[in-house]
Amino acid sequence: MPESGTPTTAATAARTASPLSLALLGLGVFLLVLAPLLAWYVTPRAKVTPVDVDVTTVFTGTGSYFDTGALVTRKRQKITITRHVLGDVAASEESGRAVWDVSTTVDTPRTLPLKDPRKAFQWTVERWVTDRRSNAPVHCCQEAPTRFDGDAYLKFPFDVQQKSYRWWDNTLGAAVPLRFAGTKTVQGYAGYRFTGTVPATRTGSRQVPGKLVGRPEQGQIQAEEWYANSGIEMVVERRTGRIISAAISPLKTLRAPGARRDAVTLLRGDHLEFTAATQRAQVRLAKADSDKLALVSGPLPVGAAAAGGALALVGVVLVVRGRKPGGRS
């Protein structure tokens, strides 16, 4: 044993933690705490339907429509469907709901240049309210239509699965099953493809001259309105549920009461599809949102956990050794 008063050797000298070792340890602990917060707190709150939307989508294709002025069906005409979606931020905030006002116009070559929805061949105004996380319908806030149901309409739920979804068809006034049909690339971006059809279904009635539906002996008649859709296709970005391409083939007709055959074709669209410009815009929005979600749900928490573990380990070692990197005992 050393004699009393003998200088303490270096091996037993008092050790003090350096500022660098404490900083590394503190940063490592912070990142270790941050990683689960990103995965379990930030990600679920980032995965919500946006409310500040202002998006216009356009379908085009050829088809037929009934010219009410000439009382004839115009065939092989360009049909344009324009849908404008505007989020009602004030109604959505602090409610957990997404409130979107939707204006949809159907235009023919005669009405399209007028650029006035009131003069369009057909114009509908709707108000959609959905849960921002589940995409489920919420019945409140002056919604229209009030019978809205299904899993998808203007978008699909987040984390789209390879299964069937119920897509709300506003013309039918009911949800239509869309089946998973593989993948499809749109403007260089791959998405899940869903398809479905609507068999001929009576949707209402309207008063027309009897001769229009083969009943000339009757002055006015309550004709039946029928609707079918021979081809619905939705291509959906998998992580966000955003629709990056869509195509429909609607058919709206009139029949005499009780008749089994169509008498008048009001509107026929032969594969009306998103324009290339609309596809590019939808892909751009989908990719940006998907990249953000992927970052906060994957690389960020994993990277924070890995870096935090490494830094904390280095900090602990340096604190125990009681010296700066490269220093001497």
Protein backbone atom coordinates (compact mmCIF):
# COMPACT_ATOMS: atom_id res chain seq x y z
CA MET A 1 0.00 0.00 0.00
CA PRO A 2 1.25 3.51 -0.68
CA GLU A 3 2.67 5.37 2.25
CA SER A 4 0.84 8.34 3.75
CA GLY A 5 1.48 11.47 1.73
CA THR A 6 2.55 9.59 -1.41
CA PRO A 7 1.18 11.36 -4.59
CA THR A 8 -1.90 9.68 -6.05
CA THR A 9 -1.12 7.72 -9.22
CA ALA A 10 -2.77 8.46 -12.60
CA ALA A 11 -4.77 5.19 -12.35
CA THR A 12 -6.56 6.44 -9.24
CA ALA A 13 -6.81 10.09 -10.15
CA ALA A 14 -10.22 11.75 -9.90
CA ARG A 15 -12.06 11.65 -13.19
CA THR A 16 -14.44 14.30 -14.50
CA ALA A 17 -16.80 14.06 -17.48
CA SER A 18 -15.89 16.37 -20.36
CA PRO A 19 -18.49 18.79 -21.83
CA LEU A 20 -18.30 16.92 -25.13
CA SER A 21 -19.15 13.57 -23.57
CA LEU A 22 -22.16 15.08 -21.78
CA ALA A 23 -23.31 16.77 -24.99
CA LEU A 24 -23.08 13.51 -26.95
CA LEU A 25 -24.95 11.64 -24.21
CA GLY A 26 -27.68 14.31 -24.07
CA LEU A 27 -28.10 14.39 -27.84
CA GLY A 28 -28.26 10.60 -27.99
CA VAL A 29 -30.96 10.44 -25.31
CA PHE A 30 -32.94 13.18 -27.11
CA LEU A 31 -32.88 11.25 -30.40
CA LEU A 32 -33.88 8.02 -28.65
CA VAL A 33 -36.91 9.80 -27.19
CA LEU A 34 -37.67 11.50 -30.53
CA ALA A 35 -37.78 8.24 -32.53
CA PRO A 36 -40.92 6.75 -30.93
CA LEU A 37 -42.56 10.18 -30.90
CA LEU A 38 -42.11 10.41 -34.67
CA ALA A 39 -43.47 6.90 -35.18
CA TRP A 40 -46.38 6.92 -32.73
CA TYR A 41 -47.33 10.59 -32.39
CA VAL A 42 -46.23 12.63 -35.42
CA THR A 43 -47.01 10.08 -38.15
CA PRO A 44 -50.69 9.49 -37.18
CA ARG A 45 -51.21 13.25 -37.08
CA ALA A 46 -49.58 13.73 -40.46
CA LYS A 47 -51.77 11.03 -42.01
CA VAL A 48 -54.92 13.16 -42.27
CA THR A 49 -56.98 14.39 -45.20
CA PRO A 50 -56.00 17.99 -46.07
CA VAL A 51 -58.61 20.70 -45.64
CA ASP A 52 -56.99 23.55 -47.58
CA VAL A 53 -57.54 21.93 -50.98
CA ASP A 54 -58.20 23.81 -54.21
CA VAL A 55 -58.00 21.24 -57.01
CA THR A 56 -59.55 21.02 -60.48
CA THR A 57 -59.72 17.73 -62.37
CA VAL A 58 -60.87 17.33 -65.97
CA PHE A 59 -62.24 14.26 -67.78
CA THR A 60 -62.52 14.23 -71.57
CA GLY A 61 -63.61 11.78 -74.25
CA THR A 62 -66.15 11.27 -76.98
CA GLY A 63 -69.81 10.45 -76.59
CA SER A 64 -73.39 11.51 -77.26
CA TYR A 65 -75.81 13.95 -75.70
CA PHE A 66 -79.43 14.98 -76.20
CA ASP A 67 -79.84 18.40 -77.79
CA THR A 68 -82.98 19.77 -76.15
CA GLY A 69 -83.26 22.56 -78.72
CA ALA A 70 -83.31 20.29 -81.77
CA LEU A 71 -84.77 17.28 -79.89
CA VAL A 72 -82.12 14.98 -81.33
CA THR A 73 -79.17 13.05 -79.93
CA ARG A 74 -75.83 14.44 -81.08
CA LYS A 75 -73.34 11.62 -81.59
CA ARG A 76 -69.53 11.47 -81.69
CA GLN A 77 -69.17 14.68 -79.71
CA LYS A 78 -66.46 15.74 -77.28
CA ILE A 79 -67.70 15.46 -73.69
CA THR A 80 -65.86 17.32 -70.92
CA ILE A 81 -66.42 16.87 -67.19
CA THR A 82 -64.77 19.45 -64.94
CA ARG A 83 -64.73 19.01 -61.17
CA HIS A 84 -63.53 21.75 -58.81
CA VAL A 85 -62.90 20.83 -55.17
CA LEU A 86 -62.49 23.64 -52.63
CA GLY A 87 -61.87 22.94 -48.95
CA ASP A 88 -63.88 24.84 -46.35
CA VAL A 89 -61.06 25.45 -43.89
CA ALA A 90 -63.18 27.36 -41.36
CA ALA A 91 -65.72 24.54 -41.12
CA SER A 92 -62.99 21.89 -40.92
CA GLU A 93 -60.68 23.35 -38.29
CA GLU A 94 -60.70 21.77 -34.84
CA SER A 95 -63.42 19.33 -35.86
CA GLY A 96 -61.41 16.37 -37.11
CA ARG A 97 -63.46 16.58 -40.30
CA ALA A 98 -62.63 17.51 -43.86
CA VAL A 99 -65.33 19.66 -45.46
CA TRP A 100 -65.06 20.00 -49.23
CA ASP A 101 -67.35 21.91 -51.59
CA VAL A 102 -67.50 20.27 -55.02
CA SER A 103 -68.72 21.79 -58.27
CA THR A 104 -69.08 19.45 -61.27
CA THR A 105 -69.99 20.51 -64.80
CA VAL A 106 -70.66 18.36 -67.86
CA ASP A 107 -70.03 20.29 -71.08
CA THR A 108 -70.61 19.69 -74.76
CA PRO A 109 -68.79 21.49 -77.61
CA ARG A 110 -71.57 24.09 -77.50
CA THR A 111 -71.46 24.85 -73.77
CA LEU A 112 -67.73 24.44 -73.03
CA PRO A 113 -66.64 27.77 -74.60
CA LEU A 114 -69.17 29.64 -72.43
CA LYS A 115 -67.12 28.82 -69.30
CA ASP A 116 -70.20 29.37 -67.15
CA PRO A 117 -71.43 26.47 -64.99
CA ARG A 118 -74.97 27.83 -65.12
CA LYS A 119 -74.97 27.31 -68.89
CA ALA A 120 -73.32 23.87 -68.84
CA PHE A 121 -75.11 20.81 -70.16
CA GLN A 122 -75.27 19.65 -66.54
CA TRP A 123 -74.13 21.28 -63.29
CA THR A 124 -74.17 19.85 -59.77
CA VAL A 125 -72.97 21.34 -56.49
CA GLU A 126 -72.18 19.08 -53.55
CA ARG A 127 -70.71 19.34 -50.05
CA TRP A 128 -68.72 16.36 -48.80
CA VAL A 129 -67.79 15.82 -45.15
CA THR A 130 -65.45 13.00 -44.15
CA ASP A 131 -63.38 11.95 -41.16
CA ARG A 132 -59.85 13.20 -41.80
CA ARG A 133 -58.21 9.97 -40.62
CA SER A 134 -60.54 7.18 -41.73
CA ASN A 135 -62.11 8.87 -44.80
CA ALA A 136 -65.50 7.64 -43.53
CA PRO A 137 -68.55 9.84 -44.21
CA VAL A 138 -69.55 12.31 -41.51
CA HIS A 139 -73.16 13.45 -41.54
CA CYS A 140 -73.11 17.08 -40.53
CA CYS A 141 -72.26 20.59 -41.67
CA GLN A 142 -74.94 20.95 -44.38
CA GLU A 143 -73.60 17.96 -46.27
CA ALA A 144 -75.12 17.25 -49.68
CA PRO A 145 -76.04 14.62 -50.61
CA THR A 146 -77.16 13.51 -47.16
CA ARG A 147 -77.13 9.80 -48.08
CA PHE A 148 -73.41 9.75 -48.90
CA ASP A 149 -71.90 6.37 -48.00
CA GLY A 150 -68.93 4.20 -48.90
CA ASP A 151 -65.16 4.00 -48.45
CA ALA A 152 -64.05 6.30 -51.25
CA TYR A 153 -65.15 9.17 -53.44
CA LEU A 154 -62.77 12.04 -54.10
CA LYS A 155 -60.03 9.97 -52.50
CA PHE A 156 -59.47 6.53 -51.01
CA PRO A 157 -58.45 5.87 -47.38
CA PHE A 158 -54.78 6.07 -46.43
CA ASP A 159 -52.68 2.91 -46.86
CA VAL A 160 -54.76 1.45 -49.68
CA GLN A 161 -55.03 -2.35 -49.57
CA GLN A 162 -55.35 -4.94 -52.34
CA LYS A 163 -59.05 -5.50 -51.72
CA SER A 164 -62.44 -4.20 -52.86
CA TYR A 165 -63.65 -0.72 -51.84
CA ARG A 166 -67.08 0.88 -52.02
CA TRP A 167 -66.86 3.96 -54.25
CA TRP A 168 -69.68 6.51 -54.04
CA ASP A 169 -71.29 7.19 -57.42
CA ASN A 170 -73.20 10.46 -57.10
CA THR A 171 -75.20 9.82 -60.30
CA LEU A 172 -76.38 6.45 -59.00
CA GLY A 173 -76.85 7.79 -55.48
CA ALA A 174 -75.24 4.70 -53.98
CA ALA A 175 -71.87 3.04 -53.38
CA VAL A 176 -70.41 0.83 -56.12
CA PRO A 177 -67.97 -2.01 -55.35
CA LEU A 178 -64.60 -1.50 -57.03
CA ARG A 179 -62.36 -4.56 -57.17
CA PHE A 180 -58.59 -4.54 -56.99
CA ALA A 181 -57.25 -5.19 -60.50
CA GLY A 182 -53.47 -5.02 -60.16
CA THR A 183 -51.21 -2.05 -60.69
CA LYS A 184 -51.01 0.58 -63.40
CA THR A 185 -48.41 3.22 -64.19
CA VAL A 186 -49.68 6.77 -64.73
CA GLN A 187 -47.23 9.41 -65.96
CA GLY A 188 -44.36 7.23 -64.75
CA TYR A 189 -45.86 6.64 -61.29
CA ALA A 190 -47.31 3.26 -60.23
CA GLY A 191 -50.60 2.99 -58.38
CA TYR A 192 -53.23 0.43 -57.46
CA ARG A 193 -55.95 -0.07 -60.10
CA PHE A 194 -59.59 -0.62 -59.15
CA THR A 195 -62.43 -1.39 -61.56
CA GLY A 196 -66.19 -1.80 -61.47
CA THR A 197 -69.45 -1.38 -63.37
CA VAL A 198 -72.98 -0.18 -62.74
CA PRO A 199 -75.81 -2.19 -64.35
CA ALA A 200 -78.74 -0.27 -65.78
CA THR A 201 -80.60 1.15 -62.77
CA ARG A 202 -83.60 3.42 -62.49
CA THR A 203 -82.57 6.63 -60.72
CA GLY A 204 -85.65 8.86 -60.97
CA SER A 205 -88.16 10.38 -63.35
CA ARG A 206 -88.84 13.55 -65.28
CA GLN A 207 -91.75 15.02 -67.15
CA VAL A 208 -91.31 15.04 -70.95
CA PRO A 209 -93.54 15.10 -74.04
CA GLY A 210 -94.98 11.63 -74.57
CA LYS A 211 -93.81 11.48 -78.19
CA LEU A 212 -90.23 11.71 -76.97
CA VAL A 213 -90.42 8.24 -75.43
CA GLY A 214 -92.73 6.62 -77.96
CA ARG A 215 -96.05 7.61 -76.40
CA PRO A 216 -97.35 10.26 -78.87
CA GLU A 217 -100.93 9.79 -77.69
CA GLN A 218 -99.98 11.25 -74.32
CA GLY A 219 -99.21 14.97 -74.12
CA GLN A 220 -96.92 14.91 -71.09
CA ILE A 221 -95.55 11.82 -69.45
CA GLN A 222 -93.48 11.01 -66.38
CA ALA A 223 -90.60 9.21 -68.08
CA GLU A 224 -88.20 7.00 -66.17
CA GLU A 225 -84.55 8.04 -65.85
CA TRP A 226 -82.03 5.20 -66.08
CA TYR A 227 -78.31 5.14 -65.47
CA ALA A 228 -75.51 2.65 -66.17
CA ASN A 229 -71.73 2.74 -66.21
CA SER A 230 -69.97 0.10 -68.29
CA GLY A 231 -66.46 0.89 -67.09
CA ILE A 232 -65.18 2.58 -63.92
CA GLU A 233 -61.42 2.65 -63.40
CA MET A 234 -59.57 4.33 -60.55
CA VAL A 235 -55.78 4.34 -60.20
CA VAL A 236 -54.85 5.22 -56.64
CA GLU A 237 -51.60 6.21 -54.93
CA ARG A 238 -51.10 3.53 -52.31
CA ARG A 239 -49.90 5.51 -49.30
CA THR A 240 -52.13 8.61 -49.53
CA GLY A 241 -55.24 7.27 -51.29
CA ARG A 242 -55.15 10.09 -53.83
CA ILE A 243 -56.71 9.23 -57.20
CA ILE A 244 -54.05 9.83 -59.86
CA SER A 245 -56.15 8.69 -62.81
CA ALA A 246 -59.81 7.94 -63.37
CA ALA A 247 -62.02 6.84 -66.24
CA ILE A 248 -65.79 6.38 -66.46
CA SER A 249 -68.30 5.36 -69.17
CA PRO A 250 -71.66 6.76 -68.04
CA LEU A 251 -74.95 6.24 -69.84
CA LYS A 252 -78.08 8.21 -68.90
CA THR A 253 -81.31 7.45 -70.73
CA LEU A 254 -85.10 7.90 -70.66
CA ARG A 255 -87.69 5.15 -70.90
CA ALA A 256 -91.45 5.18 -71.11
CA PRO A 257 -93.06 4.08 -67.84
CA GLY A 258 -92.70 0.32 -67.51
CA ALA A 259 -90.70 -0.04 -70.73
CA ARG A 260 -87.72 -2.36 -70.95
CA ARG A 261 -85.83 -0.43 -73.61
CA ASP A 262 -84.27 3.01 -73.70
CA ALA A 263 -86.16 5.57 -75.78
CA VAL A 264 -83.75 8.53 -75.52
CA THR A 265 -80.04 8.79 -74.80
CA LEU A 266 -79.51 11.84 -72.62
CA LEU A 267 -75.77 11.38 -72.18
CA ARG A 268 -73.26 8.72 -73.14
CA GLY A 269 -69.58 8.94 -72.37
CA ASP A 270 -67.27 6.48 -74.07
CA HIS A 271 -64.35 6.11 -71.65
CA LEU A 272 -64.12 9.66 -70.31
CA GLU A 273 -60.67 9.87 -68.71
CA PHE A 274 -58.48 12.31 -66.79
CA THR A 275 -56.60 14.55 -69.19
CA ALA A 276 -52.80 14.22 -69.30
CA ALA A 277 -52.49 17.57 -67.51
CA THR A 278 -54.80 16.41 -64.73
CA GLN A 279 -52.87 13.16 -64.38
CA ARG A 280 -49.57 15.01 -64.09
CA ALA A 281 -50.97 17.37 -61.46
CA GLN A 282 -52.46 14.50 -59.43
CA VAL A 283 -49.24 12.49 -59.61
CA ARG A 284 -47.23 15.51 -58.48
CA LEU A 285 -49.49 16.07 -55.45
CA ALA A 286 -49.61 12.36 -54.61
CA LYS A 287 -45.84 11.94 -54.79
CA ALA A 288 -45.18 14.99 -52.59
CA ASP A 289 -47.65 13.83 -49.91
CA SER A 290 -46.44 10.23 -50.11
CA ASP A 291 -42.79 11.24 -49.72
CA LYS A 292 -43.63 13.26 -46.59
CA LEU A 293 -45.51 10.37 -45.02
CA ALA A 294 -42.77 7.92 -45.93
CA LEU A 295 -40.15 10.17 -44.34
CA VAL A 296 -41.88 10.61 -40.97
CA SER A 297 -42.98 6.98 -40.76
CA GLY A 298 -39.75 5.32 -41.89
CA PRO A 299 -36.31 6.93 -42.32
CA LEU A 300 -36.72 9.67 -39.72
CA PRO A 301 -37.68 7.51 -36.69
CA VAL A 302 -35.32 4.70 -37.73
CA GLY A 303 -32.47 7.15 -38.32
CA ALA A 304 -33.18 8.97 -35.06
CA ALA A 305 -33.15 5.69 -33.13
CA ALA A 306 -29.90 4.49 -34.75
CA ALA A 307 -28.10 7.80 -34.38
CA GLY A 308 -29.41 8.26 -30.83
CA GLY A 309 -28.23 4.83 -29.78
CA ALA A 310 -24.77 5.36 -31.24
CA LEU A 311 -24.34 8.85 -29.74
CA ALA A 312 -25.62 7.76 -26.33
CA LEU A 313 -23.20 4.80 -26.30
CA VAL A 314 -20.24 7.02 -27.20
CA GLY A 315 -21.30 9.55 -24.56
CA VAL A 316 -21.57 6.89 -21.86
CA VAL A 317 -18.14 5.48 -22.72
CA LEU A 318 -16.56 8.93 -22.56
CA VAL A 319 -18.29 9.79 -19.30
CA VAL A 320 -17.05 6.55 -17.75
CA ARG A 321 -13.52 7.08 -19.02
CA GLY A 322 -13.62 10.67 -17.86
CA ARG A 323 -11.69 12.18 -20.73
CA LYS A 324 -12.11 13.86 -24.09
CA PRO A 325 -11.51 11.83 -27.27
CA GLY A 326 -7.76 11.47 -27.75
CA GLY A 327 -6.95 12.60 -24.18
CA ARG A 328 -4.65 10.70 -21.72
CA SER A 329 -5.60 9.02 -18.42
